[in-house]
PDB file of N, CA and C in Angstrom:
ATOM      1  N   MET A   1      71.749 110.864 117.190  1.00  0.00           N
ATOM      2  CA  MET A   1      72.657 110.365 116.177  1.00  0.00           C
ATOM      3  C   MET A   1      72.119 109.078 115.548  1.00  0.00           C
ATOM      4  N   VAL A   2      71.588 108.197 116.361  1.00  0.00           N
ATOM      5  CA  VAL A   2      71.073 106.936 115.839  1.00  0.00           C
ATOM      6  C   VAL A   2      69.946 107.199 114.848  1.00  0.00           C
ATOM      7  N   SER A   3      69.097 108.177 115.141  1.00  0.00           N
ATOM      8  CA  SER A   3      67.988 108.474 114.227  1.00  0.00           C
ATOM      9  C   SER A   3      68.500 108.957 112.875  1.00  0.00           C
ATOM     10  N   GLU A   4      69.623 109.679 112.864  1.00  0.00           N
ATOM     11  CA  GLU A   4      70.215 110.122 111.596  1.00  0.00           C
ATOM     12  C   GLU A   4      70.646 108.926 110.757  1.00  0.00           C
ATOM     13  N   TYR A   5      71.240 107.938 111.392  1.00  0.00           N
ATOM     14  CA  TYR A   5      71.660 106.737 110.665  1.00  0.00           C
ATOM     15  C   TYR A   5      70.450 105.945 110.169  1.00  0.00           C
ATOM     16  N   LYS A   6      69.403 105.871 110.973  1.00  0.00           N
ATOM     17  CA  LYS A   6      68.202 105.165 110.536  1.00  0.00           C
ATOM     18  C   LYS A   6      67.600 105.831 109.303  1.00  0.00           C
ATOM     19  N   GLN A   7      67.633 107.161 109.267  1.00  0.00           N
ATOM     20  CA  GLN A   7      67.101 107.889 108.114  1.00  0.00           C
ATOM     21  C   GLN A   7      67.979 107.711 106.882  1.00  0.00           C
ATOM     22  N   ALA A   8      69.232 107.346 107.080  1.00  0.00           N
ATOM     23  CA  ALA A   8      70.178 107.215 105.967  1.00  0.00           C
ATOM     24  C   ALA A   8      70.224 105.805 105.382  1.00  0.00           C
ATOM     25  N   ILE A   9      69.365 104.916 105.843  1.00  0.00           N
ATOM     26  CA  ILE A   9      69.356 103.549 105.314  1.00  0.00           C
ATOM     27  C   ILE A   9      69.199 103.600 103.805  1.00  0.00           C
ATOM     28  N   GLY A  10      70.076 102.880 103.112  1.00  0.00           N
ATOM     29  CA  GLY A  10      70.048 102.838 101.653  1.00  0.00           C
ATOM     30  C   GLY A  10      70.953 103.852 100.993  1.00  0.00           C
ATOM     31  N   SER A  11      71.530 104.749 101.773  1.00  0.00           N
ATOM     32  CA  SER A  11      72.428 105.749 101.192  1.00  0.00           C
ATOM     33  C   SER A  11      73.879 105.408 101.531  1.00  0.00           C
ATOM     34  N   VAL A  12      74.794 106.046 100.848  1.00  0.00           N
ATOM     35  CA  VAL A  12      76.220 105.854 101.119  1.00  0.00           C
ATOM     36  C   VAL A  12      76.590 106.732 102.302  1.00  0.00           C
ATOM     37  N   ARG A  13      77.225 106.141 103.294  1.00  0.00           N
ATOM     38  CA  ARG A  13      77.624 106.869 104.498  1.00  0.00           C
ATOM     39  C   ARG A  13      79.099 106.642 104.755  1.00  0.00           C
ATOM     40  N   SER A  14      79.714 107.583 105.417  1.00  0.00           N
ATOM     41  CA  SER A  14      81.099 107.401 105.859  1.00  0.00           C
ATOM     42  C   SER A  14      81.251 108.053 107.221  1.00  0.00           C
ATOM     43  N   TRP A  15      82.213 107.573 107.977  1.00  0.00           N
ATOM     44  CA  TRP A  15      82.495 108.164 109.264  1.00  0.00           C
ATOM     45  C   TRP A  15      83.987 108.045 109.525  1.00  0.00           C
ATOM     46  N   LEU A  16      84.515 109.019 110.248  1.00  0.00           N
ATOM     47  CA  LEU A  16      85.937 109.032 110.568  1.00  0.00           C
ATOM     48  C   LEU A  16      86.171 108.213 111.826  1.00  0.00           C
ATOM     49  N   GLY A  17      87.352 107.675 111.934  1.00  0.00           N
ATOM     50  CA  GLY A  17      87.697 106.933 113.131  1.00  0.00           C
ATOM     51  C   GLY A  17      87.840 105.449 112.866  1.00  0.00           C
ATOM     52  N   LEU A  18      88.315 104.755 113.861  1.00  0.00           N
ATOM     53  CA  LEU A  18      88.516 103.316 113.771  1.00  0.00           C
ATOM     54  C   LEU A  18      87.181 102.608 113.941  1.00  0.00           C
ATOM     55  N   THR A  19      86.891 101.715 113.047  1.00  0.00           N
ATOM     56  CA  THR A  19      85.655 100.947 113.112  1.00  0.00           C
ATOM     57  C   THR A  19      86.000  99.470 112.998  1.00  0.00           C
ATOM     58  N   SER A  20      85.625  98.703 114.002  1.00  0.00           N
ATOM     59  CA  SER A  20      85.845  97.264 113.962  1.00  0.00           C
ATOM     60  C   SER A  20      84.656  96.611 113.284  1.00  0.00           C
ATOM     61  N   THR A  21      84.931  95.698 112.375  1.00  0.00           N
ATOM     62  CA  THR A  21      83.860  95.001 111.671  1.00  0.00           C
ATOM     63  C   THR A  21      84.144  93.507 111.616  1.00  0.00           C
ATOM     64  N   SER A  22      83.111  92.748 111.371  1.00  0.00           N
ATOM     65  CA  SER A  22      83.228  91.311 111.181  1.00  0.00           C
ATOM     66  C   SER A  22      82.118  90.876 110.242  1.00  0.00           C
ATOM     67  N   ARG A  23      82.364  89.835 109.479  1.00  0.00           N
ATOM     68  CA  ARG A  23      81.306  89.285 108.628  1.00  0.00           C
ATOM     69  C   ARG A  23      80.315  88.479 109.450  1.00  0.00           C
ATOM     70  N   GLN A  24      80.680  88.151 110.688  1.00  0.00           N
ATOM     71  CA  GLN A  24      79.821  87.340 111.554  1.00  0.00           C
ATOM     72  C   GLN A  24      79.268  88.213 112.680  1.00  0.00           C
ATOM     73  N   GLN A  25      77.956  88.361 112.723  1.00  0.00           N
ATOM     74  CA  GLN A  25      77.327  89.238 113.707  1.00  0.00           C
ATOM     75  C   GLN A  25      77.674  88.838 115.133  1.00  0.00           C
ATOM     76  N   GLN A  26      77.715  87.547 115.433  1.00  0.00           N
ATOM     77  CA  GLN A  26      78.018  87.087 116.788  1.00  0.00           C
ATOM     78  C   GLN A  26      79.389  87.576 117.238  1.00  0.00           C
ATOM     79  N   ILE A  27      80.364  87.573 116.353  1.00  0.00           N
ATOM     80  CA  ILE A  27      81.698  88.068 116.692  1.00  0.00           C
ATOM     81  C   ILE A  27      81.656  89.569 116.923  1.00  0.00           C
ATOM     82  N   ALA A  28      80.967  90.297 116.052  1.00  0.00           N
ATOM     83  CA  ALA A  28      80.871  91.751 116.211  1.00  0.00           C
ATOM     84  C   ALA A  28      80.220  92.116 117.543  1.00  0.00           C
ATOM     85  N   GLU A  29      79.238  91.349 117.957  1.00  0.00           N
ATOM     86  CA  GLU A  29      78.565  91.616 119.226  1.00  0.00           C
ATOM     87  C   GLU A  29      79.477  91.388 120.426  1.00  0.00           C
ATOM     88  N   SER A  30      80.564  90.654 120.248  1.00  0.00           N
ATOM     89  CA  SER A  30      81.480  90.384 121.355  1.00  0.00           C
ATOM     90  C   SER A  30      82.636  91.380 121.432  1.00  0.00           C
ATOM     91  N   PHE A  31      82.701  92.331 120.500  1.00  0.00           N
ATOM     92  CA  PHE A  31      83.781  93.317 120.546  1.00  0.00           C
ATOM     93  C   PHE A  31      83.720  94.079 121.872  1.00  0.00           C
ATOM     94  N   PRO A  32      84.864  94.328 122.487  1.00  0.00           N
ATOM     95  CA  PRO A  32      84.883  95.057 123.760  1.00  0.00           C
ATOM     96  C   PRO A  32      84.270  96.452 123.631  1.00  0.00           C
ATOM     97  N   ARG A  33      83.547  96.842 124.635  1.00  0.00           N
ATOM     98  CA  ARG A  33      82.959  98.186 124.742  1.00  0.00           C
ATOM     99  C   ARG A  33      82.041  98.554 123.588  1.00  0.00           C
ATOM    100  N   SER A  34      81.461  97.590 122.937  1.00  0.00           N
ATOM    101  CA  SER A  34      80.536  97.885 121.838  1.00  0.00           C
ATOM    102  C   SER A  34      79.198  98.328 122.412  1.00  0.00           C
ATOM    103  N   THR A  35      78.709  99.462 121.953  1.00  0.00           N
ATOM    104  CA  THR A  35      77.398  99.929 122.375  1.00  0.00           C
ATOM    105  C   THR A  35      76.447 100.079 121.196  1.00  0.00           C
ATOM    106  N   VAL A  36      76.999 100.060 119.991  1.00  0.00           N
ATOM    107  CA  VAL A  36      76.192 100.212 118.783  1.00  0.00           C
ATOM    108  C   VAL A  36      76.624  99.159 117.781  1.00  0.00           C
ATOM    109  N   LEU A  37      75.666  98.535 117.126  1.00  0.00           N
ATOM    110  CA  LEU A  37      75.971  97.552 116.095  1.00  0.00           C
ATOM    111  C   LEU A  37      75.362  98.031 114.786  1.00  0.00           C
ATOM    112  N   PHE A  38      76.206  98.323 113.816  1.00  0.00           N
ATOM    113  CA  PHE A  38      75.747  98.699 112.487  1.00  0.00           C
ATOM    114  C   PHE A  38      75.697  97.445 111.626  1.00  0.00           C
ATOM    115  N   ILE A  39      74.621  97.244 110.910  1.00  0.00           N
ATOM    116  CA  ILE A  39      74.534  96.181 109.923  1.00  0.00           C
ATOM    117  C   ILE A  39      74.888  96.833 108.593  1.00  0.00           C
ATOM    118  N   ILE A  40      76.025  96.457 108.035  1.00  0.00           N
ATOM    119  CA  ILE A  40      76.534  97.084 106.817  1.00  0.00           C
ATOM    120  C   ILE A  40      76.297  96.134 105.650  1.00  0.00           C
ATOM    121  N   ASP A  41      75.566  96.587 104.679  1.00  0.00           N
ATOM    122  CA  ASP A  41      75.264  95.790 103.489  1.00  0.00           C
ATOM    123  C   ASP A  41      76.046  96.383 102.326  1.00  0.00           C
ATOM    124  N   ILE A  42      77.111  95.706 101.931  1.00  0.00           N
ATOM    125  CA  ILE A  42      77.952  96.199 100.837  1.00  0.00           C
ATOM    126  C   ILE A  42      77.706  95.319  99.624  1.00  0.00           C
ATOM    127  N   ARG A  43      77.216  95.925  98.606  1.00  0.00           N
ATOM    128  CA  ARG A  43      76.938  95.208  97.359  1.00  0.00           C
ATOM    129  C   ARG A  43      77.984  95.590  96.335  1.00  0.00           C
ATOM    130  N   ASN A  44      78.052  94.849  95.270  1.00  0.00           N
ATOM    131  CA  ASN A  44      79.008  95.163  94.207  1.00  0.00           C
ATOM    132  C   ASN A  44      78.660  96.509  93.593  1.00  0.00           C
ATOM    133  N   THR A  45      79.569  97.456  93.737  1.00  0.00           N
ATOM    134  CA  THR A  45      79.368  98.793  93.175  1.00  0.00           C
ATOM    135  C   THR A  45      80.660  99.241  92.523  1.00  0.00           C
ATOM    136  N   ALA A  46      80.597 100.339  91.846  1.00  0.00           N
ATOM    137  CA  ALA A  46      81.795 100.914  91.237  1.00  0.00           C
ATOM    138  C   ALA A  46      82.575 101.748  92.244  1.00  0.00           C
ATOM    139  N   SER A  47      82.069 101.858  93.453  1.00  0.00           N
ATOM    140  CA  SER A  47      82.702 102.690  94.475  1.00  0.00           C
ATOM    141  C   SER A  47      84.012 102.079  94.959  1.00  0.00           C
ATOM    142  N   ASP A  48      84.975 102.932  95.232  1.00  0.00           N
ATOM    143  CA  ASP A  48      86.240 102.489  95.817  1.00  0.00           C
ATOM    144  C   ASP A  48      86.208 102.604  97.341  1.00  0.00           C
ATOM    145  N   ALA A  49      85.057 102.922  97.901  1.00  0.00           N
ATOM    146  CA  ALA A  49      84.960 103.189  99.332  1.00  0.00           C
ATOM    147  C   ALA A  49      85.095 101.934 100.192  1.00  0.00           C
ATOM    148  N   ALA A  50      84.715 100.777  99.693  1.00  0.00           N
ATOM    149  CA  ALA A  50      84.733  99.561 100.502  1.00  0.00           C
ATOM    150  C   ALA A  50      85.806  98.605  99.999  1.00  0.00           C
ATOM    151  N   ARG A  51      86.493  97.995 100.935  1.00  0.00           N
ATOM    152  CA  ARG A  51      87.537  97.027 100.605  1.00  0.00           C
ATOM    153  C   ARG A  51      87.435  95.823 101.536  1.00  0.00           C
ATOM    154  N   ALA A  52      87.590  94.647 100.993  1.00  0.00           N
ATOM    155  CA  ALA A  52      87.654  93.430 101.804  1.00  0.00           C
ATOM    156  C   ALA A  52      89.071  93.298 102.350  1.00  0.00           C
ATOM    157  N   ILE A  53      89.177  93.177 103.669  1.00  0.00           N
ATOM    158  CA  ILE A  53      90.500  93.051 104.294  1.00  0.00           C
ATOM    159  C   ILE A  53      90.561  91.815 105.191  1.00  0.00           C
ATOM    160  N   ALA A  54      89.727  90.826 104.904  1.00  0.00           N
ATOM    161  CA  ALA A  54      89.662  89.627 105.739  1.00  0.00           C
ATOM    162  C   ALA A  54      91.026  88.968 105.902  1.00  0.00           C
ATOM    163  N   ASN A  55      91.844  89.017 104.865  1.00  0.00           N
ATOM    164  CA  ASN A  55      93.165  88.386 104.957  1.00  0.00           C
ATOM    165  C   ASN A  55      94.104  89.138 105.897  1.00  0.00           C
ATOM    166  N   LEU A  56      93.747  90.336 106.315  1.00  0.00           N
ATOM    167  CA  LEU A  56      94.573  91.134 107.223  1.00  0.00           C
ATOM    168  C   LEU A  56      94.019  91.160 108.642  1.00  0.00           C
ATOM    169  N   SER A  57      92.871  90.540 108.858  1.00  0.00           N
ATOM    170  CA  SER A  57      92.150  90.690 110.109  1.00  0.00           C
ATOM    171  C   SER A  57      92.161  89.424 110.952  1.00  0.00           C
ATOM    172  N   THR A  58      92.127  89.619 112.258  1.00  0.00           N
ATOM    173  CA  THR A  58      91.982  88.513 113.190  1.00  0.00           C
ATOM    174  C   THR A  58      90.539  88.053 113.250  1.00  0.00           C
ATOM    175  N   TYR A  59      89.611  88.947 112.950  1.00  0.00           N
ATOM    176  CA  TYR A  59      88.188  88.652 113.066  1.00  0.00           C
ATOM    177  C   TYR A  59      87.609  88.224 111.755  1.00  0.00           C
TER     178      TYR A  59
END
């Protein structure tokens, strides 16, 4: 599975399920039971897929 994500670098990806994120890598690394860390680079696009929810988050 990890190799599939590595091959998809630069493409738009989506996955179902709850995903915890943080703008600060150190915080993301401290999430309980984390075994995989995705580095997500979201740039200004016309896509509606990404939303900033920092005002709703503890992290």
